[in-house]
Protein backbone atom coordinates (compact mmCIF):
# COMPACT_ATOMS: atom_id res chain seq x y z
CA MET A 1 -1.36 8.90 -28.98
CA THR A 2 -1.29 5.92 -26.61
CA MET A 3 1.90 5.28 -24.61
CA GLN A 4 3.57 1.94 -25.16
CA PRO A 5 3.18 -0.27 -22.10
CA VAL A 6 6.29 -1.04 -20.09
CA VAL A 7 5.13 -4.65 -19.80
CA ARG A 8 3.10 -6.46 -22.42
CA ALA A 9 2.38 -10.15 -21.67
CA ARG A 10 0.33 -12.20 -24.08
CA ASP A 11 -0.94 -15.79 -23.64
CA VAL A 12 1.87 -16.72 -21.25
CA HIS A 13 1.98 -20.41 -20.37
CA LYS A 14 4.39 -22.17 -18.00
CA ALA A 15 4.44 -25.76 -16.76
CA PHE A 16 6.73 -27.64 -14.45
CA GLY A 17 6.39 -31.20 -15.71
CA SER A 18 2.70 -32.02 -15.71
CA ASN A 19 1.86 -29.11 -13.45
CA GLU A 20 0.61 -26.23 -15.62
CA VAL A 21 1.27 -23.17 -13.42
CA LEU A 22 0.41 -20.38 -15.90
CA LYS A 23 -2.52 -21.00 -18.26
CA GLY A 24 -2.50 -18.02 -20.61
CA ILE A 25 -1.74 -14.71 -18.86
CA ASP A 26 -2.46 -11.44 -20.62
CA LEU A 27 -1.35 -8.25 -18.84
CA ASP A 28 -0.27 -4.74 -19.83
CA VAL A 29 1.48 -2.37 -17.35
CA ALA A 30 1.64 1.31 -18.23
CA PRO A 31 4.60 3.59 -17.53
CA GLY A 32 4.55 4.71 -13.91
CA GLU A 33 1.82 2.26 -12.97
CA VAL A 34 1.91 0.24 -9.73
CA VAL A 35 0.28 -3.14 -10.18
CA VAL A 36 -0.19 -5.39 -7.11
CA ILE A 37 -0.79 -9.11 -7.76
CA LEU A 38 -2.77 -10.95 -5.09
CA GLY A 39 -3.70 -14.60 -4.92
CA PRO A 40 -3.40 -17.79 -2.86
CA SER A 41 -0.22 -19.84 -2.70
CA GLY A 42 0.21 -21.84 -5.87
CA SER A 43 -1.77 -19.41 -7.96
CA GLY A 44 1.23 -18.70 -10.28
CA LYS A 45 1.80 -15.10 -9.31
CA SER A 46 5.52 -15.48 -8.33
CA THR A 47 6.16 -17.71 -11.33
CA PHE A 48 4.72 -15.01 -13.60
CA LEU A 49 6.92 -12.39 -12.00
CA ARG A 50 10.03 -14.60 -12.56
CA CYS A 51 9.03 -15.11 -16.17
CA ILE A 52 9.02 -11.35 -16.74
CA ASN A 53 12.67 -11.25 -15.73
CA HIS A 54 13.38 -14.54 -17.58
CA LEU A 55 14.40 -16.26 -14.36
CA GLU A 56 11.86 -18.86 -15.50
CA THR A 57 11.44 -19.74 -19.19
CA ILE A 58 7.96 -19.64 -20.73
CA ASP A 59 6.49 -22.44 -22.79
CA GLN A 60 4.16 -20.34 -24.91
CA GLY A 61 3.21 -16.72 -25.50
CA SER A 62 5.36 -13.59 -25.23
CA ILE A 63 6.55 -11.04 -22.73
CA GLU A 64 7.81 -7.64 -23.78
CA VAL A 65 9.48 -5.07 -21.52
CA ASP A 66 9.86 -1.62 -22.96
CA GLY A 67 8.94 -2.93 -26.39
CA GLU A 68 11.54 -5.67 -26.40
CA GLN A 69 10.78 -9.39 -26.34
CA ILE A 70 12.41 -10.82 -23.18
CA GLY A 71 14.52 -13.96 -23.45
CA TYR A 72 13.40 -14.97 -26.91
CA ARG A 73 13.16 -14.01 -30.48
CA LEU A 74 9.71 -14.65 -31.99
CA ASP A 75 9.99 -16.43 -35.37
CA GLY A 76 6.40 -16.52 -36.58
CA GLU A 77 4.76 -18.40 -33.73
CA ARG A 78 7.94 -20.10 -32.55
CA LEU A 79 10.02 -18.84 -29.66
CA THR A 80 13.81 -19.03 -30.16
CA ARG A 81 15.84 -18.50 -26.99
CA LEU A 82 18.39 -15.67 -27.07
CA PRO A 83 22.04 -16.14 -25.98
CA GLU A 84 22.64 -15.68 -22.28
CA ARG A 85 24.72 -12.56 -22.90
CA GLN A 86 21.84 -10.90 -24.70
CA ILE A 87 19.40 -11.91 -22.01
CA ALA A 88 21.78 -10.36 -19.39
CA VAL A 89 21.71 -7.12 -21.33
CA GLN A 90 17.90 -7.17 -21.34
CA ARG A 91 17.80 -7.70 -17.55
CA ARG A 92 19.60 -4.40 -17.07
CA LYS A 93 16.21 -2.62 -17.45
CA ILE A 94 14.53 -4.83 -14.84
CA GLY A 95 15.24 -4.58 -11.06
CA MET A 96 14.01 -7.34 -8.79
CA VAL A 97 13.60 -7.66 -5.04
CA PHE A 98 13.08 -11.17 -3.63
CA GLN A 99 11.67 -12.64 -0.44
CA GLN A 100 15.18 -13.35 0.81
CA PHE A 101 17.63 -10.46 0.82
CA ASN A 102 20.52 -12.30 -0.83
CA LEU A 103 23.06 -9.71 0.21
CA TYR A 104 26.76 -10.55 0.14
CA GLY A 105 27.78 -11.05 3.77
CA HIS A 106 31.37 -10.02 3.24
CA MET A 107 30.39 -6.68 1.66
CA THR A 108 29.15 -3.49 3.32
CA ALA A 109 25.73 -2.06 2.45
CA LEU A 110 27.32 0.33 -0.04
CA GLN A 111 29.49 -2.33 -1.59
CA ASN A 112 26.41 -4.52 -2.09
CA VAL A 113 24.62 -1.65 -3.84
CA VAL A 114 27.44 -0.84 -6.22
CA GLU A 115 28.65 -4.37 -6.92
CA ALA A 116 26.53 -4.87 -10.06
CA PRO A 117 26.99 -1.38 -11.56
CA ILE A 118 30.80 -1.62 -11.22
CA GLY A 119 31.42 -5.33 -11.59
CA VAL A 120 28.79 -6.23 -14.20
CA HIS A 121 27.87 -3.03 -15.98
CA HIS A 122 31.41 -1.49 -15.81
CA GLN A 123 30.30 1.88 -14.53
CA GLU A 124 32.93 4.34 -13.40
CA PRO A 125 33.50 3.54 -9.65
CA GLY A 126 33.31 7.09 -8.42
CA GLU A 127 29.97 7.67 -10.11
CA ALA A 128 28.58 4.35 -8.97
CA MET A 129 29.59 5.06 -5.35
CA ARG A 130 28.01 8.56 -5.53
CA TYR A 131 24.76 7.13 -6.87
CA GLY A 132 24.92 4.24 -4.38
CA ARG A 133 25.08 6.69 -1.46
CA GLU A 134 22.18 8.59 -2.97
CA LEU A 135 20.13 5.42 -3.10
CA LEU A 136 20.97 4.44 0.48
CA ALA A 137 19.79 7.90 1.56
CA ARG A 138 16.64 7.39 -0.54
CA VAL A 139 15.80 4.25 1.42
CA GLY A 140 16.68 5.85 4.78
CA LEU A 141 20.05 4.14 5.31
CA SER A 142 22.65 6.84 4.65
CA ASP A 143 24.14 6.15 8.10
CA LYS A 144 24.56 2.41 7.32
CA GLU A 145 26.76 2.48 4.22
CA ASN A 146 29.70 0.80 6.07
CA ALA A 147 27.56 -1.74 7.93
CA TYR A 148 27.68 -5.38 7.07
CA PRO A 149 24.46 -7.39 6.61
CA ARG A 150 24.89 -9.16 9.95
CA GLN A 151 24.85 -5.71 11.60
CA LEU A 152 21.47 -4.81 10.01
CA SER A 153 17.94 -5.75 10.90
CA GLY A 154 15.90 -7.75 8.36
CA GLY A 155 14.04 -4.62 7.35
CA GLN A 156 17.27 -2.73 6.84
CA GLN A 157 18.72 -5.55 4.76
CA GLN A 158 15.65 -5.61 2.55
CA ARG A 159 15.88 -1.82 2.04
CA VAL A 160 19.59 -2.32 1.01
CA ALA A 161 18.29 -4.96 -1.47
CA ILE A 162 15.84 -2.40 -2.82
CA ALA A 163 18.67 0.16 -3.23
CA ARG A 164 20.79 -2.54 -4.96
CA ALA A 165 17.93 -3.22 -7.44
CA LEU A 166 17.58 0.48 -8.12
CA ALA A 167 21.31 0.89 -8.73
CA ILE A 168 21.05 -0.41 -12.30
CA ARG A 169 18.50 2.43 -13.04
CA PRO A 170 15.78 0.00 -14.11
CA THR A 171 12.74 0.81 -16.21
CA LEU A 172 10.70 -1.69 -14.22
CA MET A 173 10.85 -2.92 -10.59
CA LEU A 174 9.56 -6.39 -9.64
CA PHE A 175 8.88 -7.23 -5.98
CA ASP A 176 8.30 -10.89 -5.05
CA GLU A 177 6.68 -10.93 -1.62
CA PRO A 178 9.38 -8.59 -0.26
CA THR A 179 8.04 -8.56 3.31
CA SER A 180 7.22 -12.27 3.80
CA ALA A 181 10.57 -13.08 5.45
CA LEU A 182 10.37 -10.19 7.88
CA ASP A 183 9.18 -10.06 11.44
CA PRO A 184 5.84 -8.15 11.65
CA GLU A 185 7.39 -5.11 13.33
CA LEU A 186 9.84 -4.66 10.44
CA VAL A 187 7.29 -4.88 7.63
CA GLY A 188 6.24 -1.23 7.87
CA GLU A 189 9.66 0.26 7.12
CA VAL A 190 9.93 -1.71 3.88
CA LEU A 191 6.40 -0.94 2.77
CA SER A 192 7.06 2.74 3.51
CA THR A 193 10.08 2.69 1.20
CA MET A 194 8.00 1.02 -1.54
CA ARG A 195 5.23 3.62 -1.16
CA GLU A 196 7.78 6.39 -1.66
CA LEU A 197 9.04 4.65 -4.86
CA ALA A 198 5.45 4.38 -6.07
CA ALA A 199 4.87 8.06 -5.38
CA GLN A 200 7.94 8.94 -7.44
CA GLY A 201 6.42 7.30 -10.49
CA LEU A 202 8.50 4.12 -10.70
CA THR A 203 6.76 1.36 -12.74
CA MET A 204 6.29 -1.53 -10.28
CA ILE A 205 4.72 -4.99 -10.21
CA VAL A 206 4.38 -6.23 -6.64
CA VAL A 207 3.44 -9.78 -5.53
CA THR A 208 2.34 -9.47 -1.92
CA HIS A 209 -0.21 -10.40 0.70
CA GLU A 210 -0.12 -6.82 2.15
CA ILE A 211 -3.68 -5.75 1.49
CA GLY A 212 -3.10 -2.40 3.08
CA PHE A 213 -0.22 -1.64 0.71
CA ALA A 214 -2.35 -2.69 -2.22
CA ARG A 215 -5.15 -0.37 -1.09
CA GLU A 216 -2.88 2.65 -0.52
CA ALA A 217 -0.22 2.40 -3.18
CA ALA A 218 -1.55 0.37 -6.14
CA ASP A 219 -3.04 1.84 -9.26
CA ARG A 220 -4.43 -1.58 -10.14
CA VAL A 221 -4.94 -4.86 -8.26
CA VAL A 222 -4.78 -8.11 -10.14
CA PHE A 223 -6.16 -11.31 -8.58
CA MET A 224 -4.72 -14.57 -9.79
CA ASP A 225 -5.87 -18.12 -8.95
CA GLY A 226 -5.23 -21.44 -10.64
CA GLY A 227 -2.74 -19.96 -13.13
CA VAL A 228 -5.15 -17.37 -14.61
CA ILE A 229 -6.10 -13.73 -13.90
CA VAL A 230 -9.53 -14.01 -12.36
CA GLU A 231 -10.23 -10.27 -12.21
CA GLN A 232 -8.43 -6.91 -12.05
CA GLY A 233 -9.27 -3.28 -11.49
CA PRO A 234 -8.79 -0.28 -9.16
CA PRO A 235 -7.99 -1.27 -5.55
CA GLY A 236 -11.28 0.15 -4.24
CA ASP A 237 -13.25 -2.10 -6.59
CA ILE A 238 -11.31 -5.34 -6.19
CA LEU A 239 -10.66 -5.10 -2.44
CA SER A 240 -14.00 -3.67 -1.35
CA ALA A 241 -16.43 -5.10 -3.90
CA PRO A 242 -14.86 -7.94 -5.92
CA SER A 243 -17.13 -9.37 -8.60
CA HIS A 244 -15.79 -12.90 -8.74
CA PRO A 245 -16.61 -15.47 -6.01
CA ARG A 246 -12.96 -16.74 -5.93
CA THR A 247 -11.74 -13.22 -5.15
CA ARG A 248 -14.38 -12.74 -2.49
CA ALA A 249 -13.48 -16.10 -0.90
CA PHE A 250 -9.76 -15.28 -0.87
CA LEU A 251 -10.21 -11.81 0.65
CA SER A 252 -12.68 -12.99 3.30
CA ARG A 253 -10.37 -15.87 4.30
CA PHE A 254 -7.32 -13.63 4.28
CA VAL A 255 -8.98 -11.02 6.53
CA ARG A 256 -10.26 -13.78 8.89
CA ASP A 257 -6.82 -15.41 9.15
CA HIS A 258 -5.15 -12.00 9.67
CA ARG A 259 -7.53 -11.17 12.54
CA THR A 260 -6.91 -14.58 14.10
CA SER A 261 -3.15 -14.13 13.99
CA GLU A 262 -3.45 -10.68 15.63
CA LEU A 263 -5.40 -12.22 18.51
CA SER A 264 -3.09 -15.19 19.02
């Protein structure tokens, strides 16, 4: 018996005006799988991630999370948008971590983590606080629960953001270039937290340029360019011996640019 995929995307199209950003994306993500999406800027990878969470609407196709069509009801071949309240309920199963931390500056780390469970999902405050402290410990910040964002480093703020996304107990976690806004010396602590989540069996889709993380933590690497999936497969195959010339060109340029930045 085959397990139902956590994510099932079929023929996903998205355009912004005349700019067609996604040109027919098909992708399944299995329970517990870590999928890393690589690609140059403008390839559509972040847009696709935002479509999964219905932060962007799609123009054609379908996206299911845990067997449920996200954002729409499919009437034959026609997409009918769901009411916002129903979409908000669907989003409860999807946690998302962005490039920017987006923490509330007037709230402590713990208050940021429990704000959605208490204020939006109406969890019992005592239980939400207990689980919030557990999550802060899980990301290595149990001693920072009373600290405000301005008192935390960028890496610590991003780890609070990860704990906040986990607080809704999601089926799926989405990471949209979570280290791109960090100073280089702070990247490692966030990637270490993400590796631990991957090792614990959390289903994750990660858009990143961190090739090392893709090599170590991903079950599958997907390379996107020009709004399509060019190729995908195990990290060892895609990163060491890509079959498509566009993937080879991207990886060789990325490695060259990374070496140049290290020397400068």
